[in-house]
Amino acid sequence: MTKLKVLHVDIGGCEGCAVTFLRAIPLIESIACAKTRYIGNDFKIEDCDIAFVTGSICINDVHALELLKNIRSKAKVVVALGSCAALGGITRFCRGGQEPKPDHRVFQPLSSVIDVDFAIPGCPPPPQVVNALLIAYVKNVEFQLRLFKAVAKVKRLSGFDLLDDVVLPGLCVGCGACVLSCPTGALRLIDRRPELIVEKCIRCGTCYVRCPRASQILVRRFT
């Protein structure tokens, strides 16, 4: 069986998600030929089956916009890997105004510029999730792909959305999955209900996707 041709392109960020992809390569090498490319280098985007893109897009960065659209034209499937790529994440707090590029002030998820097929939130997401998505894609397990497809259609997710959609309507079952998944400790359980520490929330959306109730809402709303 011909292996999938997988490309990773990093368009900027803390590089935590890029490290996730590198760590995932041993897990996916049995079904894919993985290559890594970075925005700082001059390179030609090749045709590929799946392109994993990390980092959010600055809509004032013409070079990054052209690169992203080029990736979309060459890849059969585009995956936004990590919360910055999938949802904007912490980069939504960027104010810009600094040297040497003071125009870098408007960051958005990749789906604001191109069509994204799948999105994996997380700050950073675990390498095993990359492997799980690839296996589900190869085997065409639609049920396992639904959540990744749903997140690709969302423009933002945070602890605030979890409270609005799950906790306040009384849908929370008190399992604590959201608290365990939060990378910044922005959630805590009080009387078996999550409470948000606003100052710590980085809008990564991890808690929302990990919540069994919220993930059901996403799938039903967007797929």
C-alpha atoms as a PDB file:
ATOM      1  CA  MET A   1       0.000   0.000   0.000  1.00  0.00           C
ATOM      2  CA  THR A   2       1.328   3.433  -0.954  1.00  0.00           C
ATOM      3  CA  LYS A   3       2.071   5.550   2.076  1.00  0.00           C
ATOM      4  CA  LEU A   4       0.423   8.888   2.591  1.00  0.00           C
ATOM      5  CA  LYS A   5       2.559  11.903   1.817  1.00  0.00           C
ATOM      6  CA  VAL A   6       2.362  14.132   4.879  1.00  0.00           C
ATOM      7  CA  LEU A   7       3.766  17.647   5.129  1.00  0.00           C
ATOM      8  CA  HIS A   8       4.183  19.838   8.193  1.00  0.00           C
ATOM      9  CA  VAL A   9       4.483  23.613   7.778  1.00  0.00           C
ATOM     10  CA  ASP A  10       5.014  25.934  10.723  1.00  0.00           C
ATOM     11  CA  ILE A  11       3.905  29.541  10.235  1.00  0.00           C
ATOM     12  CA  GLY A  12       5.086  30.778  13.615  1.00  0.00           C
ATOM     13  CA  GLY A  13       4.385  30.457  17.300  1.00  0.00           C
ATOM     14  CA  CYS A  14       5.959  29.039  20.431  1.00  0.00           C
ATOM     15  CA  GLU A  15       6.878  25.843  18.486  1.00  0.00           C
ATOM     16  CA  GLY A  16       5.186  23.572  21.027  1.00  0.00           C
ATOM     17  CA  CYS A  17       2.898  22.190  18.314  1.00  0.00           C
ATOM     18  CA  ALA A  18       5.837  21.776  15.935  1.00  0.00           C
ATOM     19  CA  VAL A  19       7.515  19.655  18.602  1.00  0.00           C
ATOM     20  CA  THR A  20       4.283  17.655  18.896  1.00  0.00           C
ATOM     21  CA  PHE A  21       4.456  16.833  15.185  1.00  0.00           C
ATOM     22  CA  LEU A  22       8.111  15.844  15.428  1.00  0.00           C
ATOM     23  CA  ARG A  23       7.285  13.584  18.361  1.00  0.00           C
ATOM     24  CA  ALA A  24       4.437  12.066  16.365  1.00  0.00           C
ATOM     25  CA  ILE A  25       6.626  11.062  13.401  1.00  0.00           C
ATOM     26  CA  PRO A  26       7.674   7.684  14.905  1.00  0.00           C
ATOM     27  CA  LEU A  27       3.995   6.948  15.502  1.00  0.00           C
ATOM     28  CA  ILE A  28       2.894   7.700  11.940  1.00  0.00           C
ATOM     29  CA  GLU A  29       5.856   6.462   9.902  1.00  0.00           C
ATOM     30  CA  SER A  30       4.129   3.123   9.258  1.00  0.00           C
ATOM     31  CA  ILE A  31       1.372   4.820   7.270  1.00  0.00           C
ATOM     32  CA  ALA A  32       2.919   8.078   6.140  1.00  0.00           C
ATOM     33  CA  CYS A  33       6.024   9.680   4.689  1.00  0.00           C
ATOM     34  CA  ALA A  34       6.443  12.802   6.791  1.00  0.00           C
ATOM     35  CA  LYS A  35       8.353  15.934   5.834  1.00  0.00           C
ATOM     36  CA  THR A  36       8.821  19.097   7.866  1.00  0.00           C
ATOM     37  CA  ARG A  37       9.038  22.617   6.476  1.00  0.00           C
ATOM     38  CA  TYR A  38       9.265  26.008   8.178  1.00  0.00           C
ATOM     39  CA  ILE A  39       8.187  29.459   7.121  1.00  0.00           C
ATOM     40  CA  GLY A  40      11.636  30.969   7.587  1.00  0.00           C
ATOM     41  CA  ASN A  41      13.163  28.890   4.787  1.00  0.00           C
ATOM     42  CA  ASP A  42      12.779  29.277   1.039  1.00  0.00           C
ATOM     43  CA  PHE A  43      11.183  26.103  -0.172  1.00  0.00           C
ATOM     44  CA  LYS A  44       8.654  24.880  -2.651  1.00  0.00           C
ATOM     45  CA  ILE A  45       5.410  23.415  -1.350  1.00  0.00           C
ATOM     46  CA  GLU A  46       4.971  20.002  -2.916  1.00  0.00           C
ATOM     47  CA  ASP A  47       1.748  18.168  -3.664  1.00  0.00           C
ATOM     48  CA  CYS A  48       0.787  16.071  -0.654  1.00  0.00           C
ATOM     49  CA  ASP A  49      -2.059  14.067   0.809  1.00  0.00           C
ATOM     50  CA  ILE A  50      -2.203  15.802   4.176  1.00  0.00           C
ATOM     51  CA  ALA A  51      -0.647  19.059   5.348  1.00  0.00           C
ATOM     52  CA  PHE A  52      -0.402  19.779   9.072  1.00  0.00           C
ATOM     53  CA  VAL A  53      -0.082  23.515   9.699  1.00  0.00           C
ATOM     54  CA  THR A  54       0.940  24.915  13.081  1.00  0.00           C
ATOM     55  CA  GLY A  55       0.693  28.506  14.275  1.00  0.00           C
ATOM     56  CA  SER A  56      -2.030  31.115  13.797  1.00  0.00           C
ATOM     57  CA  ILE A  57      -2.107  33.381  10.763  1.00  0.00           C
ATOM     58  CA  CYS A  58      -1.419  37.107  10.949  1.00  0.00           C
ATOM     59  CA  ILE A  59      -3.762  38.578   8.360  1.00  0.00           C
ATOM     60  CA  ASN A  60      -1.371  41.501   7.867  1.00  0.00           C
ATOM     61  CA  ASP A  61       1.501  39.183   6.901  1.00  0.00           C
ATOM     62  CA  VAL A  62       1.315  38.953   3.099  1.00  0.00           C
ATOM     63  CA  HIS A  63       4.030  36.307   2.861  1.00  0.00           C
ATOM     64  CA  ALA A  64       2.294  34.032   5.380  1.00  0.00           C
ATOM     65  CA  LEU A  65      -1.057  34.481   3.639  1.00  0.00           C
ATOM     66  CA  GLU A  66       0.412  33.490   0.279  1.00  0.00           C
ATOM     67  CA  LEU A  67       2.127  30.496   1.838  1.00  0.00           C
ATOM     68  CA  LEU A  68      -1.087  29.347   3.493  1.00  0.00           C
ATOM     69  CA  LYS A  69      -3.092  29.610   0.268  1.00  0.00           C
ATOM     70  CA  ASN A  70      -0.331  27.749  -1.566  1.00  0.00           C
ATOM     71  CA  ILE A  71      -0.532  24.938   0.986  1.00  0.00           C
ATOM     72  CA  ARG A  72      -4.295  24.737   0.471  1.00  0.00           C
ATOM     73  CA  SER A  73      -3.870  24.419  -3.295  1.00  0.00           C
ATOM     74  CA  LYS A  74      -1.275  21.637  -3.009  1.00  0.00           C
ATOM     75  CA  ALA A  75      -2.743  19.550  -0.165  1.00  0.00           C
ATOM     76  CA  LYS A  76      -5.728  17.243  -0.483  1.00  0.00           C
ATOM     77  CA  VAL A  77      -6.394  17.651   3.243  1.00  0.00           C
ATOM     78  CA  VAL A  78      -5.339  20.501   5.552  1.00  0.00           C
ATOM     79  CA  VAL A  79      -5.164  19.966   9.301  1.00  0.00           C
ATOM     80  CA  ALA A  80      -4.870  22.889  11.732  1.00  0.00           C
ATOM     81  CA  LEU A  81      -2.646  21.457  14.451  1.00  0.00           C
ATOM     82  CA  GLY A  82      -2.766  23.133  17.854  1.00  0.00           C
ATOM     83  CA  SER A  83      -5.006  25.775  19.353  1.00  0.00           C
ATOM     84  CA  CYS A  84      -3.345  28.737  17.634  1.00  0.00           C
ATOM     85  CA  ALA A  85      -3.903  27.209  14.198  1.00  0.00           C
ATOM     86  CA  ALA A  86      -7.332  25.799  15.018  1.00  0.00           C
ATOM     87  CA  LEU A  87      -8.867  28.599  17.086  1.00  0.00           C
ATOM     88  CA  GLY A  88      -6.444  31.516  17.310  1.00  0.00           C
ATOM     89  CA  GLY A  89      -5.612  30.564  20.892  1.00  0.00           C
ATOM     90  CA  ILE A  90      -3.352  32.779  22.943  1.00  0.00           C
ATOM     91  CA  THR A  91      -2.262  34.778  19.887  1.00  0.00           C
ATOM     92  CA  ARG A  92      -5.645  36.525  19.979  1.00  0.00           C
ATOM     93  CA  PHE A  93      -4.215  38.493  22.916  1.00  0.00           C
ATOM     94  CA  CYS A  94      -1.352  39.896  20.786  1.00  0.00           C
ATOM     95  CA  ARG A  95      -1.469  43.665  20.543  1.00  0.00           C
ATOM     96  CA  GLY A  96       1.376  44.331  18.110  1.00  0.00           C
ATOM     97  CA  GLY A  97       3.116  47.649  17.833  1.00  0.00           C
ATOM     98  CA  GLN A  98       6.551  46.186  18.517  1.00  0.00           C
ATOM     99  CA  GLU A  99       9.669  46.312  16.350  1.00  0.00           C
ATOM    100  CA  PRO A 100      10.679  45.134  13.827  1.00  0.00           C
ATOM    101  CA  LYS A 101       7.182  44.297  12.513  1.00  0.00           C
ATOM    102  CA  PRO A 102       4.686  46.614  14.194  1.00  0.00           C
ATOM    103  CA  ASP A 103       1.906  45.488  11.831  1.00  0.00           C
ATOM    104  CA  HIS A 104       1.780  42.006  13.406  1.00  0.00           C
ATOM    105  CA  ARG A 105      -1.273  42.648  15.503  1.00  0.00           C
ATOM    106  CA  VAL A 106      -4.188  40.681  14.015  1.00  0.00           C
ATOM    107  CA  PHE A 107      -3.974  36.911  14.460  1.00  0.00           C
ATOM    108  CA  GLN A 108      -6.714  34.516  13.440  1.00  0.00           C
ATOM    109  CA  PRO A 109      -7.287  30.765  13.084  1.00  0.00           C
ATOM    110  CA  LEU A 110      -6.354  29.271   9.721  1.00  0.00           C
ATOM    111  CA  SER A 111     -10.026  28.788   8.864  1.00  0.00           C
ATOM    112  CA  SER A 112     -10.379  32.565   8.595  1.00  0.00           C
ATOM    113  CA  VAL A 113      -8.246  32.463   5.453  1.00  0.00           C
ATOM    114  CA  ILE A 114      -8.595  28.991   3.916  1.00  0.00           C
ATOM    115  CA  ASP A 115     -10.858  25.969   4.159  1.00  0.00           C
ATOM    116  CA  VAL A 116      -9.592  23.624   6.858  1.00  0.00           C
ATOM    117  CA  ASP A 117     -10.654  19.978   6.758  1.00  0.00           C
ATOM    118  CA  PHE A 118      -9.715  18.951  10.294  1.00  0.00           C
ATOM    119  CA  ALA A 119      -8.563  20.810  13.404  1.00  0.00           C
ATOM    120  CA  ILE A 120      -6.812  19.494  16.499  1.00  0.00           C
ATOM    121  CA  PRO A 121      -6.886  21.940  19.438  1.00  0.00           C
ATOM    122  CA  GLY A 122      -4.496  21.752  22.370  1.00  0.00           C
ATOM    123  CA  CYS A 123      -1.657  23.821  23.774  1.00  0.00           C
ATOM    124  CA  PRO A 124       0.033  21.706  22.602  1.00  0.00           C
ATOM    125  CA  PRO A 125      -1.995  18.625  21.594  1.00  0.00           C
ATOM    126  CA  PRO A 126      -0.501  15.207  22.407  1.00  0.00           C
ATOM    127  CA  PRO A 127       1.291  13.381  19.548  1.00  0.00           C
ATOM    128  CA  GLN A 128      -1.085  10.433  19.940  1.00  0.00           C
ATOM    129  CA  VAL A 129      -3.963  12.564  18.647  1.00  0.00           C
ATOM    130  CA  VAL A 130      -2.092  13.155  15.380  1.00  0.00           C
ATOM    131  CA  ASN A 131      -1.682   9.419  15.052  1.00  0.00           C
ATOM    132  CA  ALA A 132      -5.351   8.797  15.853  1.00  0.00           C
ATOM    133  CA  LEU A 133      -6.514  11.260  13.190  1.00  0.00           C
ATOM    134  CA  LEU A 134      -4.285   9.707  10.531  1.00  0.00           C
ATOM    135  CA  ILE A 135      -5.445   6.170  11.318  1.00  0.00           C
ATOM    136  CA  ALA A 136      -9.103   7.246  11.246  1.00  0.00           C
ATOM    137  CA  TYR A 137      -8.509   9.037   7.939  1.00  0.00           C
ATOM    138  CA  VAL A 138      -6.762   6.065   6.330  1.00  0.00           C
ATOM    139  CA  LYS A 139      -9.451   3.642   7.509  1.00  0.00           C
ATOM    140  CA  ASN A 140     -12.211   6.165   6.704  1.00  0.00           C
ATOM    141  CA  VAL A 141     -13.732   5.893  10.174  1.00  0.00           C
ATOM    142  CA  GLU A 142     -16.203   8.745   9.835  1.00  0.00           C
ATOM    143  CA  PHE A 143     -17.365   8.513  13.443  1.00  0.00           C
ATOM    144  CA  GLN A 144     -13.869   9.244  14.761  1.00  0.00           C
ATOM    145  CA  LEU A 145     -13.348  12.119  12.343  1.00  0.00           C
ATOM    146  CA  ARG A 146     -16.531  14.005  13.185  1.00  0.00           C
ATOM    147  CA  LEU A 147     -15.122  15.962  16.115  1.00  0.00           C
ATOM    148  CA  PHE A 148     -12.009  16.994  14.142  1.00  0.00           C
ATOM    149  CA  LYS A 149     -14.295  18.199  11.334  1.00  0.00           C
ATOM    150  CA  ALA A 150     -16.510  20.098  13.750  1.00  0.00           C
ATOM    151  CA  VAL A 151     -13.627  21.960  15.390  1.00  0.00           C
ATOM    152  CA  ALA A 152     -12.439  23.013  11.917  1.00  0.00           C
ATOM    153  CA  LYS A 153     -15.678  24.979  11.513  1.00  0.00           C
ATOM    154  CA  VAL A 154     -15.387  26.844  14.815  1.00  0.00           C
ATOM    155  CA  LYS A 155     -13.812  30.292  14.949  1.00  0.00           C
ATOM    156  CA  ARG A 156     -13.234  30.376  18.719  1.00  0.00           C
ATOM    157  CA  LEU A 157     -13.576  28.196  21.821  1.00  0.00           C
ATOM    158  CA  SER A 158     -12.651  28.859  25.427  1.00  0.00           C
ATOM    159  CA  GLY A 159     -13.577  28.205  29.020  1.00  0.00           C
ATOM    160  CA  PHE A 160     -16.203  30.924  28.675  1.00  0.00           C
ATOM    161  CA  ASP A 161     -17.992  28.884  25.999  1.00  0.00           C
ATOM    162  CA  LEU A 162     -17.800  25.793  28.219  1.00  0.00           C
ATOM    163  CA  LEU A 163     -19.562  27.660  31.013  1.00  0.00           C
ATOM    164  CA  ASP A 164     -22.200  29.102  28.677  1.00  0.00           C
ATOM    165  CA  ASP A 165     -22.983  25.894  26.789  1.00  0.00           C
ATOM    166  CA  VAL A 166     -22.520  23.183  29.418  1.00  0.00           C
ATOM    167  CA  VAL A 167     -22.203  24.387  33.004  1.00  0.00           C
ATOM    168  CA  LEU A 168     -24.880  27.086  33.214  1.00  0.00           C
ATOM    169  CA  PRO A 169     -27.561  25.050  31.367  1.00  0.00           C
ATOM    170  CA  GLY A 170     -26.980  22.221  33.866  1.00  0.00           C
ATOM    171  CA  LEU A 171     -25.500  19.724  31.401  1.00  0.00           C
ATOM    172  CA  CYS A 172     -22.241  19.203  33.318  1.00  0.00           C
ATOM    173  CA  VAL A 173     -21.800  15.711  34.806  1.00  0.00           C
ATOM    174  CA  GLY A 174     -18.888  16.732  37.043  1.00  0.00           C
ATOM    175  CA  CYS A 175     -16.377  14.325  35.465  1.00  0.00           C
ATOM    176  CA  GLY A 176     -13.492  16.810  35.714  1.00  0.00           C
ATOM    177  CA  ALA A 177     -12.133  16.131  32.208  1.00  0.00           C
ATOM    178  CA  CYS A 178     -12.053  19.851  31.474  1.00  0.00           C
ATOM    179  CA  VAL A 179     -10.007  20.590  34.593  1.00  0.00           C
ATOM    180  CA  LEU A 180      -7.490  17.843  33.841  1.00  0.00           C
ATOM    181  CA  SER A 181      -7.050  18.975  30.228  1.00  0.00           C
ATOM    182  CA  CYS A 182      -6.507  22.688  30.875  1.00  0.00           C
ATOM    183  CA  PRO A 183      -2.819  23.535  30.243  1.00  0.00           C
ATOM    184  CA  THR A 184      -2.851  26.669  32.416  1.00  0.00           C
ATOM    185  CA  GLY A 185      -4.946  25.529  35.382  1.00  0.00           C
ATOM    186  CA  ALA A 186      -7.703  27.990  34.492  1.00  0.00           C
ATOM    187  CA  LEU A 187     -10.447  25.645  35.685  1.00  0.00           C
ATOM    188  CA  ARG A 188     -11.142  24.226  39.127  1.00  0.00           C
ATOM    189  CA  LEU A 189     -13.922  22.005  40.419  1.00  0.00           C
ATOM    190  CA  ILE A 190     -16.166  23.436  43.120  1.00  0.00           C
ATOM    191  CA  ASP A 191     -19.012  21.195  44.250  1.00  0.00           C
ATOM    192  CA  ARG A 192     -18.326  19.017  41.182  1.00  0.00           C
ATOM    193  CA  ARG A 193     -18.794  21.930  38.789  1.00  0.00           C
ATOM    194  CA  PRO A 194     -15.981  23.712  36.914  1.00  0.00           C
ATOM    195  CA  GLU A 195     -15.286  27.327  37.726  1.00  0.00           C
ATOM    196  CA  LEU A 196     -13.209  29.500  35.393  1.00  0.00           C
ATOM    197  CA  ILE A 197     -10.262  31.590  36.566  1.00  0.00           C
ATOM    198  CA  VAL A 198     -10.588  34.229  33.880  1.00  0.00           C
ATOM    199  CA  GLU A 199      -7.040  35.580  34.104  1.00  0.00           C
ATOM    200  CA  LYS A 200      -5.560  32.162  33.292  1.00  0.00           C
ATOM    201  CA  CYS A 201      -7.721  31.237  30.291  1.00  0.00           C
ATOM    202  CA  ILE A 202      -5.753  31.379  27.026  1.00  0.00           C
ATOM    203  CA  ARG A 203      -8.708  30.460  24.778  1.00  0.00           C
ATOM    204  CA  CYS A 204      -7.128  27.215  23.631  1.00  0.00           C
ATOM    205  CA  GLY A 205     -10.474  25.381  23.572  1.00  0.00           C
ATOM    206  CA  THR A 206      -8.962  22.208  25.009  1.00  0.00           C
ATOM    207  CA  CYS A 207     -11.443  22.026  27.874  1.00  0.00           C
ATOM    208  CA  TYR A 208     -14.405  22.350  25.533  1.00  0.00           C
ATOM    209  CA  VAL A 209     -13.271  19.567  23.213  1.00  0.00           C
ATOM    210  CA  ARG A 210     -12.371  17.241  26.099  1.00  0.00           C
ATOM    211  CA  CYS A 211     -15.772  17.727  27.758  1.00  0.00           C
ATOM    212  CA  PRO A 212     -18.055  14.819  26.762  1.00  0.00           C
ATOM    213  CA  ARG A 213     -21.121  17.065  26.742  1.00  0.00           C
ATOM    214  CA  ALA A 214     -19.511  19.957  24.872  1.00  0.00           C
ATOM    215  CA  SER A 215     -17.965  17.712  22.216  1.00  0.00           C
ATOM    216  CA  GLN A 216     -21.433  16.290  21.534  1.00  0.00           C
ATOM    217  CA  ILE A 217     -22.737  19.831  21.100  1.00  0.00           C
ATOM    218  CA  LEU A 218     -19.963  20.586  18.605  1.00  0.00           C
ATOM    219  CA  VAL A 219     -20.608  17.487  16.538  1.00  0.00           C
ATOM    220  CA  ARG A 220     -24.356  18.063  16.404  1.00  0.00           C
ATOM    221  CA  ARG A 221     -23.965  21.755  15.638  1.00  0.00           C
ATOM    222  CA  PHE A 222     -21.392  21.540  12.848  1.00  0.00           C
ATOM    223  CA  THR A 223     -21.550  18.084  11.234  1.00  0.00           C
END
